[in-house]
């Protein structure tokens, strides 16, 4: 989650939020309540006057609307959060309108914020996928390294290996070695960008000498070089792709852990009745739920109770294999802190 802007006085005011993952939409479903004011840019039908011969045209234009919330509906199957209410600020005041929020859809929420709300936002922001990303623009003899912050790319260093006539294979290998040295202390995903084939050679060198880094590397082709390559990669949507891959990787790890624990008879449970029991004991460390199960009566309450006991929650899409595997277990499972009888 990105918290883009915050203006509070005695916990009353506006917070501008940008969800980055499916889990962030779940968080928002608990942060927005009836009576809140929510502002967002949306498409709205606008009449356009033309000449007298042709009838007036109706087209949709992006407009900024503020609604007073009446209903919030988490829609797992479409990976959206629907926020419906009455327009209070913008065209057509008094009419009803719905925002269909997706990842990357920025909104402003104005309300009285409880301490628990602010703690939830803080947890979601700290779990942001973007701050973990490093982008390296590689070209002949030089590599520009940036860390992606919420405000944009932050230049870390420029590595130079040789210049002019000294550029060659040895110099190139030296550049790759220095890049690998830097990456050895980096956690999170790595994007290697740039024009031409040198970035592929760099990746091959890293995979050969540090195969453990390979799963975290994404290669992006750009027309620009240096810092321009980094800007182009971000503009072309690489962060969204990385976020999607990271989320899916987290889902795969969680589901694999479920089945490993089942095979070893380690602390784990699944199915709504057994998970409900584990939650009531405060034994749940991580709750894993398929998007189809979220709509099952009682499951939302289980999720809320587990979260109140400091359990982490992952909602899986059944469009992907991890979600389908959990669906086969009744749609809900839990990794436990300790075994229960």
Protein backbone atom coordinates (compact mmCIF):
# COMPACT_ATOMS: atom_id res chain seq x y z
CA UNK A 1 0.00 0.00 0.00
CA UNK A 2 1.15 3.52 -0.72
CA UNK A 3 0.08 6.30 1.61
CA UNK A 4 0.57 9.23 -0.78
CA UNK A 5 -0.76 12.08 1.38
CA UNK A 6 -1.96 12.53 4.94
CA UNK A 7 -3.60 15.58 6.53
CA UNK A 8 -5.02 14.81 9.97
CA UNK A 9 -6.00 16.96 12.90
CA UNK A 10 -6.85 14.96 16.01
CA UNK A 11 -7.21 11.87 13.82
CA UNK A 12 -9.79 13.56 11.55
CA UNK A 13 -8.97 14.30 7.92
CA UNK A 14 -7.78 12.96 4.60
CA UNK A 15 -5.47 10.07 3.76
CA UNK A 16 -4.69 9.39 0.11
CA UNK A 17 -4.08 5.69 -0.54
CA UNK A 18 -2.95 3.61 -3.51
CA UNK A 19 -3.43 -0.18 -3.21
CA UNK A 20 -0.60 -2.22 -4.76
CA UNK A 21 -1.88 -5.77 -4.24
CA UNK A 22 -5.01 -7.85 -3.77
CA UNK A 23 -4.31 -7.89 -0.03
CA UNK A 24 -4.33 -4.07 -0.01
CA UNK A 25 -7.89 -4.13 -1.38
CA UNK A 26 -8.82 -6.35 1.55
CA UNK A 27 -7.29 -3.79 3.91
CA UNK A 28 -9.27 -0.99 2.23
CA UNK A 29 -12.50 -2.96 2.66
CA UNK A 30 -11.96 -2.56 6.42
CA UNK A 31 -10.75 1.04 6.31
CA UNK A 32 -13.72 2.49 4.41
CA UNK A 33 -17.08 2.62 6.18
CA UNK A 34 -20.58 4.00 5.62
CA UNK A 35 -20.60 7.74 6.13
CA UNK A 36 -16.99 8.27 5.00
CA UNK A 37 -16.16 10.62 2.13
CA UNK A 38 -14.21 8.98 -0.68
CA UNK A 39 -12.73 10.90 -3.62
CA UNK A 40 -11.44 9.36 -6.84
CA UNK A 41 -11.16 10.00 -10.57
CA UNK A 42 -13.77 8.02 -12.47
CA UNK A 43 -15.49 7.91 -15.86
CA UNK A 44 -18.81 9.72 -15.90
CA UNK A 45 -21.29 10.25 -18.74
CA UNK A 46 -21.28 13.88 -19.86
CA UNK A 47 -23.67 15.41 -22.37
CA UNK A 48 -22.00 17.31 -25.17
CA UNK A 49 -23.94 19.93 -27.06
CA UNK A 50 -23.35 19.94 -30.78
CA UNK A 51 -25.06 21.69 -33.68
CA UNK A 52 -28.84 21.84 -34.03
CA UNK A 53 -29.04 19.12 -36.69
CA UNK A 54 -27.31 16.37 -34.74
CA UNK A 55 -28.63 15.24 -31.36
CA UNK A 56 -26.60 15.87 -28.25
CA UNK A 57 -23.81 13.35 -27.78
CA UNK A 58 -23.19 11.50 -24.54
CA UNK A 59 -19.64 10.47 -23.85
CA UNK A 60 -17.70 9.34 -20.81
CA UNK A 61 -15.02 11.60 -19.43
CA UNK A 62 -12.71 11.29 -16.43
CA UNK A 63 -14.03 13.42 -13.58
CA UNK A 64 -13.10 13.82 -9.94
CA UNK A 65 -15.98 12.78 -7.68
CA UNK A 66 -16.51 12.75 -3.95
CA UNK A 67 -19.13 10.35 -2.61
CA UNK A 68 -20.63 9.77 0.82
CA UNK A 69 -20.21 6.04 1.28
CA UNK A 70 -23.27 3.86 1.77
CA UNK A 71 -21.87 0.41 0.99
CA UNK A 72 -18.47 -1.28 0.66
CA UNK A 73 -18.27 -4.63 -1.09
CA UNK A 74 -15.15 -6.74 -1.51
CA UNK A 75 -15.44 -8.61 -4.85
CA UNK A 76 -12.73 -11.32 -4.88
CA UNK A 77 -13.78 -12.93 -8.17
CA UNK A 78 -13.13 -9.70 -10.08
CA UNK A 79 -10.23 -8.63 -7.81
CA UNK A 80 -12.01 -5.36 -7.07
CA UNK A 81 -13.41 -3.36 -4.18
CA UNK A 82 -16.73 -1.67 -4.91
CA UNK A 83 -17.47 1.51 -2.96
CA UNK A 84 -20.98 2.87 -3.53
CA UNK A 85 -22.63 6.01 -2.28
CA UNK A 86 -24.19 9.38 -3.05
CA UNK A 87 -22.28 12.06 -4.97
CA UNK A 88 -21.58 15.01 -2.68
CA UNK A 89 -18.85 16.77 -4.65
CA UNK A 90 -18.71 16.89 -8.45
CA UNK A 91 -21.20 16.64 -11.33
CA UNK A 92 -24.71 15.32 -10.57
CA UNK A 93 -24.75 15.81 -6.77
CA UNK A 94 -27.34 13.66 -5.03
CA UNK A 95 -27.12 10.82 -7.55
CA UNK A 96 -25.67 7.41 -6.74
CA UNK A 97 -22.27 6.31 -8.00
CA UNK A 98 -19.92 3.36 -7.47
CA UNK A 99 -16.13 3.29 -7.55
CA UNK A 100 -14.71 -0.05 -8.68
CA UNK A 101 -11.30 0.05 -7.04
CA UNK A 102 -8.41 -2.02 -8.41
CA UNK A 103 -4.70 -2.13 -7.66
CA UNK A 104 -3.08 1.11 -8.76
CA UNK A 105 -6.35 3.07 -8.32
CA UNK A 106 -5.63 6.07 -6.10
CA UNK A 107 -8.33 7.28 -3.70
CA UNK A 108 -8.69 9.81 -0.90
CA UNK A 109 -10.60 8.86 2.24
CA UNK A 110 -11.85 11.52 4.66
CA UNK A 111 -13.10 10.33 8.04
CA UNK A 112 -12.36 10.09 11.75
CA UNK A 113 -9.55 7.55 11.91
CA UNK A 114 -9.30 5.14 14.80
CA UNK A 115 -5.93 4.10 16.14
CA UNK A 116 -6.50 0.60 14.77
CA UNK A 117 -7.14 2.09 11.29
CA UNK A 118 -3.83 3.93 11.34
CA UNK A 119 -2.04 0.79 12.56
CA UNK A 120 -3.58 -1.17 9.66
CA UNK A 121 -2.36 1.43 7.15
CA UNK A 122 1.08 1.38 8.73
CA UNK A 123 1.28 -2.42 8.42
CA UNK A 124 0.16 -2.31 4.79
CA UNK A 125 2.64 0.45 3.90
CA UNK A 126 5.52 -1.39 5.59
CA UNK A 127 4.61 -4.46 3.57
CA UNK A 128 4.85 -2.39 0.37
CA UNK A 129 6.28 -4.39 -2.50
CA UNK A 130 7.86 -1.43 -4.22
CA UNK A 131 10.47 -0.34 -1.69
CA UNK A 132 12.24 -3.71 -2.08
CA UNK A 133 12.91 -3.32 -5.82
CA UNK A 134 16.33 -2.48 -7.28
CA UNK A 135 16.68 -1.54 -10.96
CA UNK A 136 20.05 -1.74 -12.68
CA UNK A 137 20.56 -0.11 -16.07
CA UNK A 138 23.45 -1.88 -17.80
CA UNK A 139 25.34 -0.62 -20.83
CA UNK A 140 28.87 -1.05 -22.15
CA UNK A 141 31.29 -0.14 -19.37
CA UNK A 142 28.72 1.29 -16.95
CA UNK A 143 25.83 0.37 -14.70
CA UNK A 144 23.42 2.77 -12.99
CA UNK A 145 21.78 1.35 -9.85
CA UNK A 146 18.58 2.67 -8.29
CA UNK A 147 16.37 1.60 -5.42
CA UNK A 148 12.68 2.22 -6.00
CA UNK A 149 11.10 4.34 -3.29
CA UNK A 150 7.44 5.34 -3.08
CA UNK A 151 8.38 8.82 -4.31
CA UNK A 152 10.31 7.39 -7.26
CA UNK A 153 13.72 5.88 -8.11
CA UNK A 154 16.55 6.76 -5.73
CA UNK A 155 20.04 6.76 -7.26
CA UNK A 156 22.33 4.47 -5.26
CA UNK A 157 25.55 4.34 -7.26
CA UNK A 158 27.11 4.23 -10.70
CA UNK A 159 29.61 1.47 -11.44
CA UNK A 160 32.15 2.15 -14.19
CA UNK A 161 34.55 -0.42 -15.55
CA UNK A 162 36.97 0.78 -18.22
CA UNK A 163 36.51 3.38 -20.93
CA UNK A 164 37.59 4.10 -24.49
CA UNK A 165 40.11 1.56 -25.88
CA UNK A 166 40.21 -0.37 -22.61
CA UNK A 167 36.65 -1.51 -23.08
CA UNK A 168 36.62 -5.20 -23.82
CA UNK A 169 35.74 -8.61 -22.50
CA UNK A 170 37.89 -8.33 -19.36
CA UNK A 171 36.44 -4.92 -18.60
CA UNK A 172 32.93 -6.28 -19.15
CA UNK A 173 33.56 -9.20 -16.80
CA UNK A 174 34.91 -6.75 -14.24
CA UNK A 175 31.70 -4.70 -14.51
CA UNK A 176 29.56 -7.79 -14.02
CA UNK A 177 31.65 -8.80 -11.01
CA UNK A 178 31.11 -5.43 -9.35
CA UNK A 179 27.37 -5.58 -10.04
CA UNK A 180 27.22 -9.05 -8.48
CA UNK A 181 29.16 -7.80 -5.47
CA UNK A 182 26.55 -5.12 -4.91
CA UNK A 183 23.64 -7.51 -5.40
CA UNK A 184 25.00 -9.95 -2.84
CA UNK A 185 23.77 -7.61 -0.09
CA UNK A 186 20.40 -6.82 -1.71
CA UNK A 187 17.10 -8.39 -0.75
CA UNK A 188 13.97 -8.37 -2.86
CA UNK A 189 13.44 -8.37 -6.64
CA UNK A 190 16.06 -7.15 -9.12
CA UNK A 191 15.28 -5.60 -12.50
CA UNK A 192 18.11 -5.47 -15.05
CA UNK A 193 17.32 -3.10 -17.91
CA UNK A 194 18.97 -1.55 -20.92
CA UNK A 195 19.32 -1.66 -24.69
CA UNK A 196 21.18 -4.35 -26.65
CA UNK A 197 22.50 -7.70 -25.45
CA UNK A 198 24.86 -6.68 -22.66
CA UNK A 199 22.10 -6.96 -20.04
CA UNK A 200 21.52 -10.61 -21.05
CA UNK A 201 25.26 -11.29 -20.68
CA UNK A 202 25.15 -9.66 -17.25
CA UNK A 203 22.23 -11.84 -16.19
CA UNK A 204 23.96 -14.97 -17.50
CA UNK A 205 27.06 -14.07 -15.46
CA UNK A 206 24.98 -13.56 -12.30
CA UNK A 207 23.06 -16.80 -12.78
CA UNK A 208 26.30 -18.70 -13.32
CA UNK A 209 28.08 -17.27 -10.29
CA UNK A 210 25.14 -16.75 -7.91
CA UNK A 211 22.29 -19.06 -8.96
CA UNK A 212 20.37 -18.23 -5.77
CA UNK A 213 19.75 -14.72 -7.18
CA UNK A 214 18.25 -16.01 -10.45
CA UNK A 215 14.62 -16.36 -9.26
CA UNK A 216 14.60 -12.69 -8.22
CA UNK A 217 15.82 -11.27 -11.54
CA UNK A 218 13.64 -9.77 -14.25
CA UNK A 219 15.12 -8.58 -17.57
CA UNK A 220 13.62 -5.56 -19.36
CA UNK A 221 14.58 -4.31 -22.81
CA UNK A 222 14.67 -0.51 -23.25
CA UNK A 223 15.55 1.92 -26.01
CA UNK A 224 17.21 4.30 -23.54
CA UNK A 225 20.32 3.75 -21.46
CA UNK A 226 21.54 4.85 -18.04
CA UNK A 227 19.04 6.58 -15.78
CA UNK A 228 16.74 6.96 -18.80
CA UNK A 229 16.48 3.15 -19.01
CA UNK A 230 15.32 3.05 -15.39
CA UNK A 231 12.69 5.70 -16.03
CA UNK A 232 11.50 3.90 -19.16
CA UNK A 233 11.26 0.55 -17.36
CA UNK A 234 9.11 2.13 -14.64
CA UNK A 235 6.98 3.93 -17.21
CA UNK A 236 6.43 0.67 -19.11
CA UNK A 237 4.92 -0.95 -16.01
CA UNK A 238 7.76 -3.10 -14.69
CA UNK A 239 6.85 -2.34 -11.06
CA UNK A 240 3.31 -3.61 -11.54
CA UNK A 241 4.68 -6.81 -13.09
CA UNK A 242 7.16 -7.24 -10.24
CA UNK A 243 4.42 -6.69 -7.66
CA UNK A 244 2.25 -9.31 -9.35
CA UNK A 245 5.13 -11.79 -9.43
CA UNK A 246 6.00 -11.13 -5.78
CA UNK A 247 2.41 -11.62 -4.70
CA UNK A 248 2.16 -14.87 -6.63
CA UNK A 249 5.48 -16.06 -5.19
CA UNK A 250 4.21 -15.36 -1.66
CA UNK A 251 1.06 -17.33 -2.45
CA UNK A 252 3.06 -20.28 -3.79
CA UNK A 253 5.29 -20.36 -0.69
CA UNK A 254 2.31 -20.23 1.67
CA UNK A 255 0.46 -23.05 -0.10
CA UNK A 256 3.59 -25.19 -0.39
CA UNK A 257 4.10 -24.77 3.36
CA UNK A 258 0.54 -25.97 4.00
CA UNK A 259 1.13 -29.24 2.16
CA UNK A 260 4.60 -29.71 3.66
CA UNK A 261 3.13 -29.42 7.14
CA UNK A 262 0.31 -31.78 6.28
CA UNK A 263 2.85 -34.37 5.08
CA UNK A 264 5.01 -33.95 8.22
CA UNK A 265 2.04 -33.71 10.59
CA UNK A 266 3.28 -30.27 11.67
CA UNK A 267 0.94 -27.54 13.04
CA UNK A 268 -1.55 -26.82 10.24
CA UNK A 269 -5.28 -27.08 9.73
CA UNK A 270 -7.82 -26.59 6.95
CA UNK A 271 -11.56 -26.53 6.37
CA UNK A 272 -13.89 -23.95 7.87
CA UNK A 273 -14.75 -25.83 11.06
CA UNK A 274 -11.17 -26.72 12.03
CA UNK A 275 -9.84 -23.28 11.10
CA UNK A 276 -12.60 -21.60 13.12
CA UNK A 277 -11.56 -23.67 16.10
CA UNK A 278 -7.87 -22.80 15.65
CA UNK A 279 -8.73 -19.09 15.41
CA UNK A 280 -10.77 -19.28 18.62
CA UNK A 281 -7.67 -20.68 20.38
CA UNK A 282 -5.49 -17.86 19.02
CA UNK A 283 -3.27 -20.49 17.38
CA UNK A 284 -3.30 -19.14 13.81
CA UNK A 285 -0.05 -17.63 12.54
CA UNK A 286 -1.13 -17.19 8.92
CA UNK A 287 -4.60 -17.57 7.43
CA UNK A 288 -4.81 -18.54 3.74
CA UNK A 289 -8.19 -18.06 2.02
CA UNK A 290 -9.28 -18.54 -1.58
CA UNK A 291 -11.17 -15.66 -3.18
CA UNK A 292 -14.24 -17.88 -3.66
CA UNK A 293 -14.29 -18.78 0.05
CA UNK A 294 -14.37 -15.10 1.09
CA UNK A 295 -18.00 -15.06 0.00
CA UNK A 296 -18.86 -18.10 2.16
CA UNK A 297 -20.99 -17.12 5.17
CA UNK A 298 -18.83 -16.71 8.25
CA UNK A 299 -15.46 -16.58 6.51
CA UNK A 300 -15.15 -12.78 6.64
CA UNK A 301 -15.78 -12.93 10.39
CA UNK A 302 -13.06 -15.61 10.76
CA UNK A 303 -10.63 -13.38 8.86
CA UNK A 304 -11.41 -10.41 11.08
CA UNK A 305 -11.02 -12.45 14.27
CA UNK A 306 -7.72 -13.95 13.08
CA UNK A 307 -6.39 -10.52 12.18
CA UNK A 308 -7.36 -9.17 15.61
CA UNK A 309 -5.09 -11.86 17.05
CA UNK A 310 -2.13 -10.67 14.93
CA UNK A 311 -2.40 -13.41 12.31
CA UNK A 312 -1.36 -12.47 8.78
CA UNK A 313 -3.88 -13.07 5.99
CA UNK A 314 -3.40 -13.98 2.34
CA UNK A 315 -6.32 -14.01 -0.10
CA UNK A 316 -5.56 -16.22 -3.11
CA UNK A 317 -7.02 -15.92 -6.58
CA UNK A 318 -8.47 -19.20 -7.83
CA UNK A 319 -7.38 -18.17 -11.31
CA UNK A 320 -3.92 -19.43 -10.32
CA UNK A 321 -2.71 -22.84 -9.13
CA UNK A 322 -2.09 -21.91 -5.43
CA UNK A 323 -5.67 -20.69 -5.07
CA UNK A 324 -7.04 -23.82 -6.74
CA UNK A 325 -5.05 -26.03 -4.34
CA UNK A 326 -6.48 -24.23 -1.31
CA UNK A 327 -9.95 -24.41 -2.84
CA UNK A 328 -9.49 -28.18 -2.81
CA UNK A 329 -8.98 -27.98 0.97
CA UNK A 330 -12.31 -26.25 1.49
CA UNK A 331 -11.10 -22.80 0.51
CA UNK A 332 -9.48 -21.97 3.85
CA UNK A 333 -6.38 -23.17 5.69
CA UNK A 334 -4.13 -21.95 8.47
CA UNK A 335 -0.49 -22.28 9.43
CA UNK A 336 -0.48 -22.61 13.21
CA UNK A 337 1.82 -21.26 15.90
CA UNK A 338 1.44 -24.51 17.81
CA UNK A 339 -0.42 -27.79 17.51
CA UNK A 340 -3.92 -28.06 18.95
CA UNK A 341 -5.74 -31.26 19.88
